Amino acid sequence: MNISQAAASTGLPAKTIRYYEELGLIQPTRSANGYRTFADTTLHQLNFLAHARALGFSIDHCRSLLALWEDRDRASADVRRIALKHLSEIEEKIADLSAMRDTLGELVSTCDGNDRPDCPILNSLSSSSG
């Protein structure tokens, strides 16, 4: 299977597949003419990476998870540790976004949005205390 077929099969752009190869996450074979050839094993790896990235795992986490997935002697505790760390990062981002939403909501509610030049939103953005 060539790269365009692998892209169609996995839903990943060819550019992403080449990037994963450049990072050493996958290693398609090369035919005599130098073209990449994707075996079923590599397609499974690409699908795995697509799912992991869709869940927001970093490239480093994907590398670790892929290694654990391929290791039949793995401890599920190692997988869980990575997933828990990522879950904690997501929860932290959600808390940060909620705080941003609340602050911006307060600012918007204090702005009359009329033809006058005074604007509490701009005043807040320009203050040194934020």
N, C-alpha and C. Protein backbone atom coordinates (compact mmCIF):
# COMPACT_ATOMS: atom_id res chain seq x y z
N MET A 1 0.85 -1.17 0.00
CA MET A 1 0.00 0.00 0.00
C MET A 1 0.90 1.24 0.00
N ASN A 2 0.60 2.21 -0.86
CA ASN A 2 1.40 3.43 -0.91
C ASN A 2 0.86 4.47 0.08
N ILE A 3 1.51 5.62 0.15
CA ILE A 3 1.16 6.61 1.16
C ILE A 3 -0.24 7.19 0.95
N SER A 4 -0.64 7.38 -0.29
CA SER A 4 -1.98 7.93 -0.52
C SER A 4 -3.06 6.92 -0.10
N GLN A 5 -2.81 5.66 -0.33
CA GLN A 5 -3.74 4.63 0.11
C GLN A 5 -3.76 4.52 1.64
N ALA A 6 -2.59 4.64 2.25
CA ALA A 6 -2.51 4.61 3.72
C ALA A 6 -3.24 5.81 4.30
N ALA A 7 -3.10 6.95 3.66
CA ALA A 7 -3.79 8.16 4.13
C ALA A 7 -5.30 7.97 4.03
N ALA A 8 -5.76 7.42 2.92
CA ALA A 8 -7.20 7.19 2.75
C ALA A 8 -7.71 6.16 3.77
N SER A 9 -6.91 5.15 4.03
CA SER A 9 -7.31 4.09 4.94
C SER A 9 -7.38 4.56 6.40
N THR A 10 -6.47 5.44 6.78
CA THR A 10 -6.39 5.89 8.18
C THR A 10 -7.07 7.22 8.45
N GLY A 11 -7.34 7.97 7.40
CA GLY A 11 -7.91 9.31 7.58
C GLY A 11 -6.88 10.35 7.95
N LEU A 12 -5.62 9.98 7.91
CA LEU A 12 -4.54 10.92 8.21
C LEU A 12 -4.00 11.53 6.92
N PRO A 13 -3.66 12.80 6.94
CA PRO A 13 -3.04 13.38 5.75
C PRO A 13 -1.66 12.76 5.50
N ALA A 14 -1.27 12.68 4.24
CA ALA A 14 0.04 12.13 3.89
C ALA A 14 1.15 12.90 4.60
N LYS A 15 0.96 14.20 4.76
CA LYS A 15 1.97 15.03 5.44
C LYS A 15 2.16 14.57 6.88
N THR A 16 1.07 14.22 7.56
CA THR A 16 1.15 13.73 8.94
C THR A 16 1.86 12.39 8.98
N ILE A 17 1.58 11.53 8.02
CA ILE A 17 2.22 10.22 7.97
C ILE A 17 3.73 10.38 7.78
N ARG A 18 4.12 11.29 6.88
CA ARG A 18 5.55 11.54 6.68
C ARG A 18 6.18 12.11 7.96
N TYR A 19 5.44 12.97 8.65
CA TYR A 19 5.92 13.54 9.91
C TYR A 19 6.13 12.45 10.96
N TYR A 20 5.18 11.54 11.09
CA TYR A 20 5.32 10.42 12.04
C TYR A 20 6.53 9.56 11.68
N GLU A 21 6.77 9.39 10.39
CA GLU A 21 7.96 8.64 9.98
C GLU A 21 9.23 9.40 10.36
N GLU A 22 9.24 10.70 10.11
CA GLU A 22 10.39 11.53 10.44
C GLU A 22 10.71 11.47 11.93
N LEU A 23 9.67 11.39 12.76
CA LEU A 23 9.86 11.31 14.21
C LEU A 23 10.23 9.91 14.68
N GLY A 24 10.16 8.94 13.79
CA GLY A 24 10.48 7.57 14.14
C GLY A 24 9.34 6.81 14.79
N LEU A 25 8.13 7.35 14.71
CA LEU A 25 6.97 6.66 15.28
C LEU A 25 6.55 5.47 14.44
N ILE A 26 6.73 5.59 13.14
CA ILE A 26 6.45 4.48 12.23
C ILE A 26 7.65 4.30 11.32
N GLN A 27 7.76 3.12 10.74
CA GLN A 27 8.87 2.85 9.83
C GLN A 27 8.38 2.01 8.66
N PRO A 28 7.74 2.69 7.69
CA PRO A 28 7.31 1.93 6.51
C PRO A 28 8.53 1.42 5.75
N THR A 29 8.34 0.33 5.04
CA THR A 29 9.44 -0.18 4.22
C THR A 29 9.53 0.66 2.95
N ARG A 30 10.64 0.54 2.29
CA ARG A 30 10.85 1.26 1.02
C ARG A 30 10.99 0.24 -0.10
N SER A 31 10.30 0.52 -1.19
CA SER A 31 10.42 -0.36 -2.35
C SER A 31 11.72 -0.03 -3.09
N ALA A 32 12.03 -0.77 -4.12
CA ALA A 32 13.26 -0.57 -4.87
C ALA A 32 13.36 0.84 -5.46
N ASN A 33 12.21 1.41 -5.79
CA ASN A 33 12.23 2.77 -6.36
C ASN A 33 12.20 3.85 -5.28
N GLY A 34 12.23 3.46 -4.00
CA GLY A 34 12.30 4.43 -2.91
C GLY A 34 10.96 4.84 -2.34
N TYR A 35 9.88 4.36 -2.93
CA TYR A 35 8.55 4.71 -2.43
C TYR A 35 8.26 3.97 -1.12
N ARG A 36 7.50 4.64 -0.26
CA ARG A 36 7.09 4.01 0.99
C ARG A 36 6.05 2.93 0.70
N THR A 37 6.17 1.84 1.44
CA THR A 37 5.19 0.76 1.36
C THR A 37 4.67 0.51 2.77
N PHE A 38 3.36 0.55 2.92
CA PHE A 38 2.74 0.42 4.23
C PHE A 38 2.10 -0.95 4.38
N ALA A 39 2.63 -1.72 5.34
CA ALA A 39 2.07 -3.03 5.66
C ALA A 39 0.93 -2.84 6.65
N ASP A 40 0.19 -3.91 6.87
CA ASP A 40 -0.93 -3.85 7.82
C ASP A 40 -0.47 -3.41 9.21
N THR A 41 0.70 -3.85 9.63
CA THR A 41 1.23 -3.48 10.94
C THR A 41 1.39 -1.96 11.04
N THR A 42 1.92 -1.36 10.01
CA THR A 42 2.12 0.09 10.01
C THR A 42 0.78 0.81 9.99
N LEU A 43 -0.19 0.27 9.27
CA LEU A 43 -1.53 0.88 9.27
C LEU A 43 -2.16 0.82 10.66
N HIS A 44 -1.95 -0.28 11.36
CA HIS A 44 -2.45 -0.38 12.74
C HIS A 44 -1.78 0.67 13.63
N GLN A 45 -0.49 0.87 13.43
CA GLN A 45 0.23 1.89 14.20
C GLN A 45 -0.33 3.28 13.88
N LEU A 46 -0.58 3.54 12.61
CA LEU A 46 -1.13 4.85 12.22
C LEU A 46 -2.52 5.06 12.81
N ASN A 47 -3.36 4.05 12.78
CA ASN A 47 -4.68 4.16 13.39
C ASN A 47 -4.57 4.40 14.89
N PHE A 48 -3.66 3.70 15.53
CA PHE A 48 -3.42 3.89 16.96
C PHE A 48 -3.02 5.34 17.23
N LEU A 49 -2.06 5.84 16.46
CA LEU A 49 -1.59 7.22 16.63
C LEU A 49 -2.71 8.23 16.38
N ALA A 50 -3.54 7.96 15.37
CA ALA A 50 -4.66 8.87 15.07
C ALA A 50 -5.61 8.94 16.26
N HIS A 51 -5.92 7.80 16.86
CA HIS A 51 -6.82 7.78 18.02
C HIS A 51 -6.19 8.46 19.23
N ALA A 52 -4.92 8.19 19.46
CA ALA A 52 -4.23 8.81 20.60
C ALA A 52 -4.15 10.33 20.44
N ARG A 53 -3.83 10.78 19.23
CA ARG A 53 -3.75 12.23 18.99
C ARG A 53 -5.12 12.88 19.10
N ALA A 54 -6.17 12.16 18.67
CA ALA A 54 -7.53 12.70 18.79
C ALA A 54 -7.91 12.91 20.25
N LEU A 55 -7.33 12.13 21.14
CA LEU A 55 -7.56 12.30 22.57
C LEU A 55 -6.62 13.34 23.18
N GLY A 56 -5.77 13.92 22.34
CA GLY A 56 -4.90 15.01 22.80
C GLY A 56 -3.58 14.58 23.38
N PHE A 57 -3.22 13.31 23.25
CA PHE A 57 -1.93 12.88 23.77
C PHE A 57 -0.81 13.55 22.97
N SER A 58 0.24 13.94 23.67
CA SER A 58 1.39 14.56 23.03
C SER A 58 2.14 13.52 22.20
N ILE A 59 3.03 13.98 21.37
CA ILE A 59 3.85 13.07 20.57
C ILE A 59 4.67 12.17 21.49
N ASP A 60 5.24 12.73 22.56
CA ASP A 60 6.03 11.92 23.49
C ASP A 60 5.16 10.86 24.16
N HIS A 61 3.95 11.25 24.57
CA HIS A 61 3.04 10.26 25.17
C HIS A 61 2.66 9.21 24.13
N CYS A 62 2.43 9.63 22.89
CA CYS A 62 2.10 8.67 21.83
C CYS A 62 3.24 7.68 21.62
N ARG A 63 4.46 8.18 21.67
CA ARG A 63 5.63 7.31 21.51
C ARG A 63 5.64 6.24 22.62
N SER A 64 5.40 6.69 23.85
CA SER A 64 5.38 5.76 24.99
C SER A 64 4.22 4.78 24.89
N LEU A 65 3.05 5.30 24.55
CA LEU A 65 1.87 4.43 24.44
C LEU A 65 2.02 3.41 23.32
N LEU A 66 2.58 3.84 22.22
CA LEU A 66 2.80 2.93 21.09
C LEU A 66 3.78 1.82 21.49
N ALA A 67 4.84 2.19 22.20
CA ALA A 67 5.80 1.19 22.67
C ALA A 67 5.13 0.21 23.63
N LEU A 68 4.29 0.73 24.51
CA LEU A 68 3.58 -0.15 25.45
C LEU A 68 2.58 -1.04 24.72
N TRP A 69 1.90 -0.50 23.72
CA TRP A 69 0.93 -1.26 22.95
C TRP A 69 1.60 -2.44 22.25
N GLU A 70 2.82 -2.19 21.76
CA GLU A 70 3.54 -3.23 21.03
C GLU A 70 4.23 -4.23 21.96
N ASP A 71 4.35 -3.89 23.24
CA ASP A 71 5.00 -4.75 24.23
C ASP A 71 3.95 -5.62 24.90
N ARG A 72 3.90 -6.87 24.55
CA ARG A 72 2.90 -7.79 25.11
C ARG A 72 3.18 -8.11 26.58
N ASP A 73 4.36 -7.78 27.08
CA ASP A 73 4.69 -8.01 28.49
C ASP A 73 4.52 -6.74 29.33
N ARG A 74 3.84 -5.76 28.77
CA ARG A 74 3.66 -4.48 29.45
C ARG A 74 2.84 -4.64 30.73
N ALA A 75 2.99 -3.65 31.58
CA ALA A 75 2.13 -3.57 32.77
C ALA A 75 1.09 -2.50 32.48
N SER A 76 -0.17 -2.84 32.67
CA SER A 76 -1.22 -1.85 32.39
C SER A 76 -1.08 -0.63 33.29
N ALA A 77 -0.40 -0.79 34.41
CA ALA A 77 -0.16 0.35 35.31
C ALA A 77 0.64 1.44 34.61
N ASP A 78 1.55 1.05 33.73
CA ASP A 78 2.34 2.03 32.98
C ASP A 78 1.45 2.83 32.02
N VAL A 79 0.52 2.15 31.40
CA VAL A 79 -0.42 2.81 30.49
C VAL A 79 -1.32 3.75 31.28
N ARG A 80 -1.81 3.25 32.40
CA ARG A 80 -2.71 4.05 33.24
C ARG A 80 -2.03 5.31 33.76
N ARG A 81 -0.76 5.18 34.13
CA ARG A 81 0.00 6.33 34.63
C ARG A 81 0.05 7.44 33.56
N ILE A 82 0.32 7.07 32.33
CA ILE A 82 0.37 8.05 31.24
C ILE A 82 -1.00 8.68 31.03
N ALA A 83 -2.04 7.85 31.03
CA ALA A 83 -3.41 8.35 30.82
C ALA A 83 -3.84 9.27 31.97
N LEU A 84 -3.49 8.90 33.19
CA LEU A 84 -3.85 9.76 34.33
C LEU A 84 -3.14 11.11 34.27
N LYS A 85 -1.88 11.09 33.87
CA LYS A 85 -1.13 12.35 33.73
C LYS A 85 -1.80 13.23 32.68
N HIS A 86 -2.19 12.64 31.57
CA HIS A 86 -2.84 13.40 30.51
C HIS A 86 -4.21 13.91 30.97
N LEU A 87 -4.95 13.07 31.68
CA LEU A 87 -6.25 13.49 32.21
C LEU A 87 -6.09 14.68 33.16
N SER A 88 -5.07 14.65 33.97
CA SER A 88 -4.80 15.76 34.88
C SER A 88 -4.49 17.04 34.10
N GLU A 89 -3.72 16.91 33.03
CA GLU A 89 -3.40 18.07 32.19
C GLU A 89 -4.66 18.63 31.55
N ILE A 90 -5.55 17.75 31.10
CA ILE A 90 -6.81 18.19 30.49
C ILE A 90 -7.67 18.93 31.52
N GLU A 91 -7.76 18.37 32.72
CA GLU A 91 -8.56 19.02 33.77
C GLU A 91 -8.00 20.39 34.13
N GLU A 92 -6.68 20.52 34.13
CA GLU A 92 -6.05 21.81 34.39
C GLU A 92 -6.39 22.81 33.28
N LYS A 93 -6.36 22.37 32.05
CA LYS A 93 -6.71 23.24 30.92
C LYS A 93 -8.18 23.67 31.01
N ILE A 94 -9.05 22.73 31.38
CA ILE A 94 -10.47 23.06 31.53
C ILE A 94 -10.66 24.12 32.61
N ALA A 95 -9.95 23.97 33.72
CA ALA A 95 -10.05 24.95 34.81
C ALA A 95 -9.56 26.32 34.33
N ASP A 96 -8.46 26.33 33.60
CA ASP A 96 -7.93 27.59 33.07
C ASP A 96 -8.92 28.23 32.10
N LEU A 97 -9.50 27.43 31.21
CA LEU A 97 -10.47 27.96 30.25
C LEU A 97 -11.73 28.46 30.96
N SER A 98 -12.16 27.77 32.00
CA SER A 98 -13.34 28.22 32.76
C SER A 98 -13.06 29.56 33.43
N ALA A 99 -11.87 29.71 33.98
CA ALA A 99 -11.51 30.99 34.61
C ALA A 99 -11.46 32.10 33.56
N MET A 100 -10.91 31.80 32.39
CA MET A 100 -10.87 32.80 31.32
C MET A 100 -12.28 33.18 30.89
N ARG A 101 -13.16 32.19 30.75
CA ARG A 101 -14.55 32.45 30.36
C ARG A 101 -15.23 33.34 31.39
N ASP A 102 -15.05 33.03 32.67
CA ASP A 102 -15.69 33.81 33.72
C ASP A 102 -15.19 35.25 33.71
N THR A 103 -13.88 35.43 33.58
CA THR A 103 -13.31 36.78 33.57
C THR A 103 -13.81 37.56 32.36
N LEU A 104 -13.77 36.94 31.21
CA LEU A 104 -14.23 37.63 30.00
C LEU A 104 -15.73 37.91 30.08
N GLY A 105 -16.49 36.99 30.63
CA GLY A 105 -17.93 37.21 30.80
C GLY A 105 -18.20 38.42 31.68
N GLU A 106 -17.45 38.56 32.76
CA GLU A 106 -17.60 39.73 33.64
C GLU A 106 -17.27 41.01 32.89
N LEU A 107 -16.19 40.99 32.13
CA LEU A 107 -15.80 42.19 31.38
C LEU A 107 -16.86 42.56 30.36
N VAL A 108 -17.37 41.59 29.64
CA VAL A 108 -18.39 41.86 28.63
C VAL A 108 -19.65 42.42 29.30
N SER A 109 -20.00 41.91 30.46
CA SER A 109 -21.21 42.39 31.13
C SER A 109 -21.07 43.82 31.63
N THR A 110 -19.84 44.27 31.86
CA THR A 110 -19.63 45.65 32.34
C THR A 110 -19.52 46.65 31.20
N CYS A 111 -19.41 46.17 29.97
CA CYS A 111 -19.27 47.06 28.82
C CYS A 111 -20.64 47.35 28.23
N ASP A 112 -20.97 48.63 28.12
CA ASP A 112 -22.27 49.01 27.58
C ASP A 112 -22.37 48.76 26.07
N GLY A 113 -21.23 48.72 25.39
CA GLY A 113 -21.25 48.48 23.95
C GLY A 113 -21.96 49.57 23.17
N ASN A 114 -21.80 50.82 23.63
CA ASN A 114 -22.47 51.93 22.96
C ASN A 114 -21.48 52.73 22.12
N ASP A 115 -21.84 53.95 21.76
CA ASP A 115 -20.99 54.80 20.92
C ASP A 115 -19.97 55.58 21.71
N ARG A 116 -19.96 55.47 23.02
CA ARG A 116 -19.01 56.20 23.86
C ARG A 116 -17.65 55.52 23.82
N PRO A 117 -16.57 56.25 24.02
CA PRO A 117 -15.23 55.68 23.92
C PRO A 117 -14.78 54.89 25.15
N ASP A 118 -15.39 55.15 26.30
CA ASP A 118 -14.93 54.43 27.49
C ASP A 118 -15.34 52.97 27.40
N CYS A 119 -14.40 52.08 27.74
CA CYS A 119 -14.65 50.65 27.58
C CYS A 119 -13.96 49.89 28.71
N PRO A 120 -14.71 49.28 29.59
CA PRO A 120 -14.10 48.52 30.70
C PRO A 120 -13.23 47.34 30.21
N ILE A 121 -13.55 46.80 29.06
CA ILE A 121 -12.75 45.68 28.54
C ILE A 121 -11.34 46.18 28.22
N LEU A 122 -11.26 47.29 27.47
CA LEU A 122 -9.94 47.83 27.12
C LEU A 122 -9.21 48.33 28.36
N ASN A 123 -9.96 48.93 29.31
CA ASN A 123 -9.33 49.39 30.55
C ASN A 123 -8.70 48.23 31.29
N SER A 124 -9.40 47.13 31.37
CA SER A 124 -8.88 45.95 32.07
C SER A 124 -7.66 45.37 31.34
N LEU A 125 -7.73 45.29 30.03
CA LEU A 125 -6.61 44.75 29.25
C LEU A 125 -5.35 45.62 29.38
N SER A 126 -5.57 46.92 29.55
CA SER A 126 -4.41 47.82 29.62
C SER A 126 -3.88 48.01 31.04
N SER A 127 -4.60 47.49 32.04
CA SER A 127 -4.12 47.67 33.42
C SER A 127 -2.97 46.71 33.70
N SER A 128 -2.11 47.12 34.60
CA SER A 128 -0.94 46.29 34.94
C SER A 128 -1.32 45.08 35.79
N SER A 129 -2.48 45.12 36.47
CA SER A 129 -2.88 44.02 37.32
C SER A 129 -3.62 42.94 36.54
N GLY A 130 -4.03 43.21 35.30
CA GLY A 130 -4.71 42.22 34.44
C GLY A 130 -6.09 42.00 34.87
